[in-house]
Amino acid sequence: MKKYKLYVAAFVLIMSGTILGSTLNTPADGASTSPGTTDDPVVTKSYVDQQIQQALNGSGGGSTNPTTPSQPSQGAEEVKNVALSPGKILIANPGTEFIVRSGNAVIYTEDKNGVADLTDGKDLLNGQAAPKNHLLSFPREGRGIQVKEGQQNGLIVMVRGGYTIR
């Protein structure tokens, strides 16, 4: 009989806890508003997209169509393939970048400073070989590359920025 009373008491406690828990249901996150009210409105995806587009365009109103810039960005310069024949020197303007694609090139500088090899992270001085497929940066004028002495074929160089051929 004692086991029976124990089972009945456990059953009553479990059922009363379930009933009280379902009637006193409160949100676990503490939200006191329900969706769809003025405090928590339901919005459509198109409305959200429109608001994001307006924020990106920097205006309070307007169409949802993105605007296209009338000018290309200032930093994007065209990359040109330049062929350099033996005996010629390719002189870079300040800030120009070269990549030697074919042929053997050497660094040319008018002063004691060199050219930055951005791929290896070192300075290449006058007369040193310019490695193929390395990004070379020319910080000042009076620096460039030339065909290695004794080579019969020329160079193919990718150039981003201004240059002159002497």
N, C-alpha and C. Protein backbone atom coordinates (compact mmCIF):
# COMPACT_ATOMS: atom_id res chain seq x y z
N MET A 1 0.81 -1.19 0.00
CA MET A 1 0.00 0.00 0.00
C MET A 1 0.86 1.26 0.00
N LYS A 2 2.01 1.18 0.67
CA LYS A 2 2.88 2.34 0.71
C LYS A 2 3.40 2.67 -0.68
N LYS A 3 3.73 1.64 -1.49
CA LYS A 3 4.21 1.90 -2.85
C LYS A 3 3.14 2.56 -3.68
N TYR A 4 1.89 2.15 -3.50
CA TYR A 4 0.78 2.72 -4.24
C TYR A 4 0.66 4.21 -3.94
N LYS A 5 0.75 4.61 -2.68
CA LYS A 5 0.64 6.01 -2.29
C LYS A 5 1.82 6.81 -2.87
N LEU A 6 2.98 6.19 -2.90
CA LEU A 6 4.15 6.86 -3.44
C LEU A 6 4.00 7.10 -4.94
N TYR A 7 3.48 6.13 -5.65
CA TYR A 7 3.24 6.30 -7.10
C TYR A 7 2.16 7.35 -7.36
N VAL A 8 1.11 7.37 -6.59
CA VAL A 8 0.04 8.36 -6.76
C VAL A 8 0.58 9.75 -6.46
N ALA A 9 1.37 9.89 -5.44
CA ALA A 9 1.92 11.20 -5.08
C ALA A 9 2.86 11.70 -6.18
N ALA A 10 3.69 10.82 -6.72
CA ALA A 10 4.58 11.21 -7.81
C ALA A 10 3.80 11.62 -9.05
N PHE A 11 2.75 10.86 -9.35
CA PHE A 11 1.91 11.18 -10.51
C PHE A 11 1.23 12.53 -10.34
N VAL A 12 0.70 12.80 -9.17
CA VAL A 12 0.03 14.08 -8.88
C VAL A 12 1.02 15.23 -9.00
N LEU A 13 2.22 15.07 -8.49
CA LEU A 13 3.22 16.14 -8.57
C LEU A 13 3.62 16.41 -10.03
N ILE A 14 3.84 15.37 -10.81
CA ILE A 14 4.22 15.56 -12.21
C ILE A 14 3.10 16.22 -13.00
N MET A 15 1.86 15.79 -12.79
CA MET A 15 0.73 16.37 -13.53
C MET A 15 0.49 17.82 -13.11
N SER A 16 0.58 18.11 -11.82
CA SER A 16 0.36 19.49 -11.39
C SER A 16 1.48 20.40 -11.92
N GLY A 17 2.71 19.91 -11.99
CA GLY A 17 3.80 20.70 -12.56
C GLY A 17 3.60 20.95 -14.05
N THR A 18 3.11 19.96 -14.77
CA THR A 18 2.83 20.13 -16.19
C THR A 18 1.71 21.13 -16.43
N ILE A 19 0.65 21.03 -15.64
CA ILE A 19 -0.49 21.96 -15.81
C ILE A 19 -0.08 23.37 -15.46
N LEU A 20 0.62 23.55 -14.36
CA LEU A 20 1.07 24.89 -13.97
C LEU A 20 2.06 25.46 -15.00
N GLY A 21 2.95 24.63 -15.52
CA GLY A 21 3.92 25.10 -16.52
C GLY A 21 3.27 25.54 -17.81
N SER A 22 2.21 24.83 -18.22
CA SER A 22 1.54 25.22 -19.47
C SER A 22 0.67 26.45 -19.29
N THR A 23 0.11 26.69 -18.12
CA THR A 23 -0.74 27.87 -17.93
C THR A 23 0.08 29.12 -17.65
N LEU A 24 1.22 28.96 -17.06
CA LEU A 24 2.08 30.11 -16.76
C LEU A 24 3.20 30.24 -17.79
N ASN A 25 2.90 29.95 -19.03
CA ASN A 25 3.90 29.97 -20.12
C ASN A 25 4.37 31.39 -20.38
N THR A 26 5.62 31.66 -20.13
CA THR A 26 6.21 32.96 -20.45
C THR A 26 7.36 32.73 -21.41
N PRO A 27 7.62 33.71 -22.29
CA PRO A 27 8.73 33.53 -23.23
C PRO A 27 10.06 33.37 -22.50
N ALA A 28 10.88 32.48 -23.00
CA ALA A 28 12.17 32.21 -22.36
C ALA A 28 13.15 33.36 -22.56
N ASP A 29 12.99 34.10 -23.69
CA ASP A 29 13.93 35.19 -23.95
C ASP A 29 13.53 36.49 -23.29
N GLY A 30 12.44 36.52 -22.60
CA GLY A 30 12.02 37.72 -21.88
C GLY A 30 11.31 38.73 -22.76
N ALA A 31 10.97 38.38 -23.99
CA ALA A 31 10.27 39.31 -24.87
C ALA A 31 8.84 39.47 -24.40
N SER A 32 8.44 40.72 -24.19
CA SER A 32 7.08 40.96 -23.71
C SER A 32 6.13 41.32 -24.84
N THR A 33 6.65 41.52 -26.04
CA THR A 33 5.78 41.85 -27.16
C THR A 33 5.66 40.66 -28.08
N SER A 34 4.57 40.61 -28.78
CA SER A 34 4.38 39.52 -29.74
C SER A 34 4.63 40.06 -31.14
N PRO A 35 5.06 39.20 -32.04
CA PRO A 35 5.35 39.66 -33.41
C PRO A 35 4.10 40.19 -34.10
N GLY A 36 4.28 41.24 -34.87
CA GLY A 36 3.17 41.82 -35.62
C GLY A 36 2.56 43.04 -34.98
N THR A 37 3.01 43.41 -33.78
CA THR A 37 2.50 44.61 -33.13
C THR A 37 3.36 45.80 -33.54
N THR A 38 2.97 46.98 -33.09
CA THR A 38 3.74 48.18 -33.44
C THR A 38 5.12 48.17 -32.78
N ASP A 39 5.26 47.47 -31.66
CA ASP A 39 6.56 47.37 -31.01
C ASP A 39 7.48 46.37 -31.72
N ASP A 40 6.92 45.38 -32.40
CA ASP A 40 7.68 44.37 -33.11
C ASP A 40 6.98 44.07 -34.44
N PRO A 41 7.15 44.97 -35.45
CA PRO A 41 6.42 44.78 -36.70
C PRO A 41 6.99 43.64 -37.54
N VAL A 42 6.13 43.02 -38.32
CA VAL A 42 6.54 42.02 -39.29
C VAL A 42 6.76 42.74 -40.61
N VAL A 43 7.93 42.57 -41.22
CA VAL A 43 8.23 43.25 -42.48
C VAL A 43 8.55 42.22 -43.55
N THR A 44 8.43 42.66 -44.79
CA THR A 44 8.72 41.77 -45.91
C THR A 44 10.18 41.89 -46.32
N LYS A 45 10.65 40.92 -47.04
CA LYS A 45 12.03 40.91 -47.52
C LYS A 45 12.28 42.09 -48.45
N SER A 46 11.32 42.42 -49.29
CA SER A 46 11.52 43.54 -50.22
C SER A 46 11.69 44.86 -49.47
N TYR A 47 10.98 45.03 -48.36
CA TYR A 47 11.14 46.24 -47.55
C TYR A 47 12.54 46.31 -46.95
N VAL A 48 13.01 45.18 -46.43
CA VAL A 48 14.36 45.14 -45.85
C VAL A 48 15.40 45.42 -46.92
N ASP A 49 15.26 44.81 -48.11
CA ASP A 49 16.19 45.06 -49.20
C ASP A 49 16.21 46.53 -49.59
N GLN A 50 15.02 47.14 -49.63
CA GLN A 50 14.93 48.56 -49.98
C GLN A 50 15.64 49.42 -48.94
N GLN A 51 15.49 49.13 -47.67
CA GLN A 51 16.14 49.90 -46.63
C GLN A 51 17.66 49.73 -46.67
N ILE A 52 18.11 48.53 -46.95
CA ILE A 52 19.56 48.29 -47.06
C ILE A 52 20.13 49.05 -48.25
N GLN A 53 19.43 49.03 -49.38
CA GLN A 53 19.91 49.73 -50.57
C GLN A 53 19.97 51.23 -50.33
N GLN A 54 18.98 51.77 -49.64
CA GLN A 54 18.99 53.19 -49.33
C GLN A 54 20.14 53.54 -48.40
N ALA A 55 20.43 52.67 -47.46
CA ALA A 55 21.54 52.93 -46.55
C ALA A 55 22.88 52.87 -47.29
N LEU A 56 23.01 51.94 -48.23
CA LEU A 56 24.26 51.83 -49.00
C LEU A 56 24.45 53.01 -49.93
N ASN A 57 23.36 53.53 -50.48
CA ASN A 57 23.46 54.69 -51.38
C ASN A 57 23.70 55.97 -50.62
N GLY A 58 23.50 55.95 -49.31
CA GLY A 58 23.75 57.14 -48.51
C GLY A 58 22.65 58.17 -48.57
N SER A 59 21.48 57.78 -49.01
CA SER A 59 20.37 58.73 -49.07
C SER A 59 19.22 58.20 -48.24
N GLY A 60 18.38 59.10 -47.82
CA GLY A 60 17.21 58.72 -47.03
C GLY A 60 16.10 58.16 -47.88
N GLY A 61 16.09 58.43 -49.15
CA GLY A 61 15.01 57.95 -50.02
C GLY A 61 15.56 57.66 -51.38
N GLY A 62 14.67 57.36 -52.28
CA GLY A 62 15.10 57.10 -53.65
C GLY A 62 14.71 55.72 -54.09
N SER A 63 15.19 55.36 -55.24
CA SER A 63 14.83 54.06 -55.80
C SER A 63 15.68 52.97 -55.20
N THR A 64 15.27 51.74 -55.43
CA THR A 64 16.03 50.60 -54.93
C THR A 64 17.06 50.13 -55.93
N ASN A 65 17.15 50.78 -57.08
CA ASN A 65 18.13 50.39 -58.09
C ASN A 65 19.51 50.91 -57.69
N PRO A 66 20.53 50.08 -57.78
CA PRO A 66 21.87 50.55 -57.41
C PRO A 66 22.38 51.56 -58.42
N THR A 67 23.17 52.50 -57.93
CA THR A 67 23.74 53.50 -58.82
C THR A 67 25.07 53.00 -59.33
N THR A 68 25.39 53.33 -60.57
CA THR A 68 26.68 52.94 -61.14
C THR A 68 27.57 54.16 -61.18
N PRO A 69 28.82 54.03 -60.78
CA PRO A 69 29.71 55.18 -60.80
C PRO A 69 29.99 55.63 -62.23
N SER A 70 30.11 56.95 -62.42
CA SER A 70 30.35 57.47 -63.76
C SER A 70 31.81 57.35 -64.16
N GLN A 71 32.70 57.22 -63.18
CA GLN A 71 34.13 57.10 -63.47
C GLN A 71 34.67 55.84 -62.82
N PRO A 72 35.65 55.20 -63.41
CA PRO A 72 36.26 54.06 -62.75
C PRO A 72 37.02 54.51 -61.51
N SER A 73 37.30 53.59 -60.61
CA SER A 73 38.02 53.95 -59.39
C SER A 73 39.43 54.43 -59.74
N GLN A 74 39.94 55.31 -58.90
CA GLN A 74 41.22 55.95 -59.19
C GLN A 74 42.40 54.98 -59.13
N GLY A 75 42.34 53.94 -58.25
CA GLY A 75 43.48 53.06 -58.06
C GLY A 75 43.64 52.01 -59.14
N ALA A 76 42.62 51.77 -59.95
CA ALA A 76 42.69 50.68 -60.92
C ALA A 76 43.27 51.18 -62.23
N GLU A 77 44.51 50.79 -62.51
CA GLU A 77 45.14 51.14 -63.77
C GLU A 77 45.22 49.91 -64.64
N GLU A 78 45.26 50.14 -65.93
CA GLU A 78 45.30 49.05 -66.88
C GLU A 78 46.69 48.41 -66.91
N VAL A 79 46.72 47.09 -67.02
CA VAL A 79 47.98 46.36 -67.13
C VAL A 79 48.27 46.18 -68.61
N LYS A 80 49.50 46.54 -69.03
CA LYS A 80 49.90 46.45 -70.43
C LYS A 80 51.04 45.46 -70.56
N ASN A 81 51.03 44.71 -71.66
CA ASN A 81 52.16 43.85 -71.99
C ASN A 81 53.08 44.64 -72.91
N VAL A 82 54.33 44.78 -72.49
CA VAL A 82 55.30 45.58 -73.23
C VAL A 82 56.42 44.66 -73.70
N ALA A 83 56.75 44.75 -74.99
CA ALA A 83 57.89 44.00 -75.55
C ALA A 83 59.10 44.94 -75.56
N LEU A 84 60.21 44.47 -75.03
CA LEU A 84 61.43 45.28 -74.95
C LEU A 84 62.54 44.55 -75.70
N SER A 85 63.11 45.22 -76.67
CA SER A 85 64.16 44.59 -77.48
C SER A 85 65.53 44.83 -76.83
N PRO A 86 66.53 44.00 -77.19
CA PRO A 86 67.88 44.17 -76.61
C PRO A 86 68.43 45.56 -76.91
N GLY A 87 69.13 46.11 -75.92
CA GLY A 87 69.71 47.44 -76.05
C GLY A 87 68.79 48.55 -75.58
N LYS A 88 67.54 48.27 -75.31
CA LYS A 88 66.57 49.27 -74.83
C LYS A 88 66.41 49.13 -73.32
N ILE A 89 66.02 50.23 -72.68
CA ILE A 89 65.79 50.25 -71.24
C ILE A 89 64.35 50.70 -71.00
N LEU A 90 63.65 49.95 -70.17
CA LEU A 90 62.28 50.28 -69.79
C LEU A 90 62.34 51.02 -68.45
N ILE A 91 62.12 52.34 -68.49
CA ILE A 91 62.20 53.19 -67.30
C ILE A 91 60.79 53.40 -66.75
N ALA A 92 60.63 53.15 -65.46
CA ALA A 92 59.32 53.26 -64.81
C ALA A 92 59.11 54.64 -64.22
N ASN A 93 57.87 55.11 -64.25
CA ASN A 93 57.49 56.31 -63.52
C ASN A 93 57.36 55.92 -62.04
N PRO A 94 57.40 56.88 -61.13
CA PRO A 94 57.25 56.54 -59.71
C PRO A 94 55.93 55.82 -59.45
N GLY A 95 56.01 54.72 -58.69
CA GLY A 95 54.82 53.95 -58.34
C GLY A 95 54.43 52.87 -59.34
N THR A 96 55.18 52.73 -60.42
CA THR A 96 54.86 51.74 -61.45
C THR A 96 55.31 50.36 -60.98
N GLU A 97 54.61 49.33 -61.47
CA GLU A 97 54.95 47.95 -61.13
C GLU A 97 55.20 47.16 -62.40
N PHE A 98 56.21 46.30 -62.37
CA PHE A 98 56.57 45.42 -63.49
C PHE A 98 56.50 43.97 -63.04
N ILE A 99 56.19 43.09 -63.99
CA ILE A 99 56.36 41.65 -63.82
C ILE A 99 57.01 41.15 -65.10
N VAL A 100 58.21 40.61 -65.00
CA VAL A 100 58.91 40.06 -66.17
C VAL A 100 58.28 38.71 -66.47
N ARG A 101 57.73 38.56 -67.69
CA ARG A 101 57.05 37.32 -68.07
C ARG A 101 57.95 36.39 -68.86
N SER A 102 58.77 36.93 -69.75
CA SER A 102 59.69 36.07 -70.51
C SER A 102 60.96 36.84 -70.82
N GLY A 103 62.05 36.10 -70.95
CA GLY A 103 63.34 36.71 -71.19
C GLY A 103 64.10 36.92 -69.90
N ASN A 104 65.35 37.31 -70.05
CA ASN A 104 66.21 37.56 -68.89
C ASN A 104 66.43 39.06 -68.77
N ALA A 105 66.04 39.60 -67.63
CA ALA A 105 66.14 41.04 -67.40
C ALA A 105 67.07 41.33 -66.25
N VAL A 106 67.67 42.52 -66.26
CA VAL A 106 68.47 43.00 -65.15
C VAL A 106 67.95 44.37 -64.74
N ILE A 107 68.19 44.71 -63.49
CA ILE A 107 67.74 45.99 -62.93
C ILE A 107 68.64 47.11 -63.42
N TYR A 108 68.03 48.23 -63.74
CA TYR A 108 68.75 49.43 -64.15
C TYR A 108 68.37 50.55 -63.19
N THR A 109 69.36 51.16 -62.54
CA THR A 109 69.11 52.34 -61.70
C THR A 109 70.18 53.37 -61.96
N GLU A 110 69.80 54.63 -61.85
CA GLU A 110 70.75 55.73 -62.05
C GLU A 110 71.44 56.11 -60.75
N ASP A 111 70.98 55.59 -59.62
CA ASP A 111 71.61 55.89 -58.34
C ASP A 111 71.93 54.59 -57.62
N LYS A 112 72.37 54.68 -56.36
CA LYS A 112 72.79 53.48 -55.63
C LYS A 112 71.61 52.68 -55.08
N ASN A 113 70.44 53.27 -55.00
CA ASN A 113 69.28 52.55 -54.49
C ASN A 113 68.72 51.61 -55.54
N GLY A 114 67.94 50.66 -55.11
CA GLY A 114 67.44 49.65 -56.03
C GLY A 114 65.93 49.69 -56.21
N VAL A 115 65.44 48.52 -56.58
CA VAL A 115 64.03 48.31 -56.89
C VAL A 115 63.48 47.29 -55.90
N ALA A 116 62.28 47.49 -55.42
CA ALA A 116 61.68 46.57 -54.46
C ALA A 116 61.10 45.35 -55.16
N ASP A 117 61.58 44.17 -54.79
CA ASP A 117 61.00 42.90 -55.24
C ASP A 117 59.96 42.53 -54.19
N LEU A 118 58.70 42.81 -54.48
CA LEU A 118 57.64 42.60 -53.49
C LEU A 118 57.34 41.12 -53.27
N THR A 119 57.69 40.27 -54.21
CA THR A 119 57.44 38.84 -54.06
C THR A 119 58.38 38.24 -53.03
N ASP A 120 59.66 38.56 -53.12
CA ASP A 120 60.65 38.03 -52.17
C ASP A 120 60.88 38.95 -50.97
N GLY A 121 60.43 40.18 -51.07
CA GLY A 121 60.62 41.12 -49.98
C GLY A 121 62.05 41.60 -49.83
N LYS A 122 62.72 41.85 -50.95
CA LYS A 122 64.10 42.33 -50.86
C LYS A 122 64.32 43.43 -51.91
N ASP A 123 65.48 44.07 -51.80
CA ASP A 123 65.84 45.17 -52.69
C ASP A 123 66.80 44.64 -53.75
N LEU A 124 66.50 44.91 -55.02
CA LEU A 124 67.36 44.50 -56.12
C LEU A 124 68.14 45.73 -56.59
N LEU A 125 69.45 45.60 -56.63
CA LEU A 125 70.32 46.72 -56.98
C LEU A 125 70.67 46.70 -58.46
N ASN A 126 71.33 47.75 -58.92
CA ASN A 126 71.71 47.90 -60.33
C ASN A 126 72.53 46.70 -60.81
N GLY A 127 72.12 46.11 -61.93
CA GLY A 127 72.83 44.99 -62.52
C GLY A 127 72.39 43.62 -62.04
N GLN A 128 71.58 43.56 -60.97
CA GLN A 128 71.10 42.27 -60.49
C GLN A 128 69.99 41.74 -61.41
N ALA A 129 69.87 40.43 -61.47
CA ALA A 129 68.84 39.80 -62.29
C ALA A 129 67.45 40.09 -61.70
N ALA A 130 66.52 40.40 -62.61
CA ALA A 130 65.12 40.59 -62.21
C ALA A 130 64.41 39.25 -62.39
N PRO A 131 63.97 38.61 -61.31
CA PRO A 131 63.36 37.29 -61.43
C PRO A 131 62.05 37.33 -62.22
N LYS A 132 61.80 36.25 -62.95
CA LYS A 132 60.55 36.14 -63.70
C LYS A 132 59.39 35.94 -62.73
N ASN A 133 58.25 36.48 -63.11
CA ASN A 133 56.99 36.33 -62.38
C ASN A 133 57.05 36.89 -60.96
N HIS A 134 57.94 37.85 -60.71
CA HIS A 134 58.00 38.56 -59.43
C HIS A 134 57.45 39.96 -59.64
N LEU A 135 56.71 40.46 -58.64
CA LEU A 135 56.18 41.82 -58.71
C LEU A 135 57.27 42.78 -58.25
N LEU A 136 57.67 43.67 -59.16
CA LEU A 136 58.71 44.66 -58.89
C LEU A 136 58.06 46.04 -58.80
N SER A 137 58.40 46.78 -57.75
CA SER A 137 57.84 48.11 -57.55
C SER A 137 58.95 49.15 -57.70
N PHE A 138 58.64 50.21 -58.43
CA PHE A 138 59.60 51.27 -58.71
C PHE A 138 59.15 52.54 -57.99
N PRO A 139 59.73 52.84 -56.82
CA PRO A 139 59.25 53.94 -56.00
C PRO A 139 59.62 55.33 -56.52
N ARG A 140 60.72 55.42 -57.28
CA ARG A 140 61.17 56.73 -57.77
C ARG A 140 61.52 56.63 -59.25
N GLU A 141 61.67 57.79 -59.87
CA GLU A 141 62.05 57.80 -61.29
C GLU A 141 63.53 57.48 -61.44
N GLY A 142 63.92 57.15 -62.67
CA GLY A 142 65.32 56.83 -62.95
C GLY A 142 65.65 55.37 -62.71
N ARG A 143 64.64 54.52 -62.57
CA ARG A 143 64.87 53.11 -62.34
C ARG A 143 64.04 52.31 -63.34
N GLY A 144 64.55 51.15 -63.70
CA GLY A 144 63.83 50.32 -64.65
C GLY A 144 64.50 48.98 -64.83
N ILE A 145 64.25 48.37 -66.00
CA ILE A 145 64.88 47.10 -66.33
C ILE A 145 65.38 47.15 -67.77
N GLN A 146 66.31 46.26 -68.07
CA GLN A 146 66.83 46.15 -69.43
C GLN A 146 67.10 44.68 -69.72
N VAL A 147 67.27 44.37 -71.02
CA VAL A 147 67.57 43.01 -71.42
C VAL A 147 68.98 42.66 -70.96
N LYS A 148 69.15 41.45 -70.42
CA LYS A 148 70.46 41.02 -69.94
C LYS A 148 71.43 40.99 -71.11
N GLU A 149 72.67 41.45 -70.84
CA GLU A 149 73.69 41.52 -71.88
C GLU A 149 73.97 40.12 -72.46
N GLY A 150 74.05 40.03 -73.77
CA GLY A 150 74.33 38.77 -74.45
C GLY A 150 73.08 38.01 -74.86
N GLN A 151 71.92 38.46 -74.40
CA GLN A 151 70.68 37.78 -74.77
C GLN A 151 70.20 38.29 -76.12
N GLN A 152 69.85 37.37 -77.02
CA GLN A 152 69.42 37.74 -78.37
C GLN A 152 67.95 38.14 -78.42
N ASN A 153 67.12 37.49 -77.62
CA ASN A 153 65.69 37.77 -77.61
C ASN A 153 65.38 38.90 -76.64
N GLY A 154 64.25 39.52 -76.82
CA GLY A 154 63.84 40.60 -75.95
C GLY A 154 63.09 40.11 -74.73
N LEU A 155 62.40 41.04 -74.09
CA LEU A 155 61.62 40.75 -72.89
C LEU A 155 60.15 40.99 -73.16
N ILE A 156 59.32 40.29 -72.43
CA ILE A 156 57.89 40.61 -72.35
C ILE A 156 57.65 40.96 -70.89
N VAL A 157 57.15 42.16 -70.66
CA VAL A 157 56.97 42.67 -69.30
C VAL A 157 55.53 43.15 -69.15
N MET A 158 54.88 42.73 -68.06
CA MET A 158 53.58 43.28 -67.71
C MET A 158 53.83 44.56 -66.91
N VAL A 159 53.19 45.65 -67.32
CA VAL A 159 53.43 46.94 -66.68
C VAL A 159 52.11 47.53 -66.20
N ARG A 160 52.08 47.98 -64.95
CA ARG A 160 50.94 48.73 -64.42
C ARG A 160 51.48 50.08 -63.99
N GLY A 161 51.10 51.13 -64.72
CA GLY A 161 51.58 52.47 -64.44
C GLY A 161 52.30 53.05 -65.66
N GLY A 162 52.92 54.20 -65.45
CA GLY A 162 53.59 54.89 -66.55
C GLY A 162 55.01 54.43 -66.74
N TYR A 163 55.49 54.56 -67.97
CA TYR A 163 56.86 54.14 -68.30
C TYR A 163 57.31 54.83 -69.57
N THR A 164 58.64 54.79 -69.81
CA THR A 164 59.22 55.25 -71.06
C THR A 164 60.26 54.23 -71.49
N ILE A 165 60.50 54.17 -72.81
CA ILE A 165 61.51 53.27 -73.35
C ILE A 165 62.63 54.12 -73.92
N ARG A 166 63.86 53.86 -73.50
CA ARG A 166 65.03 54.59 -74.01
C ARG A 166 65.82 53.68 -74.92
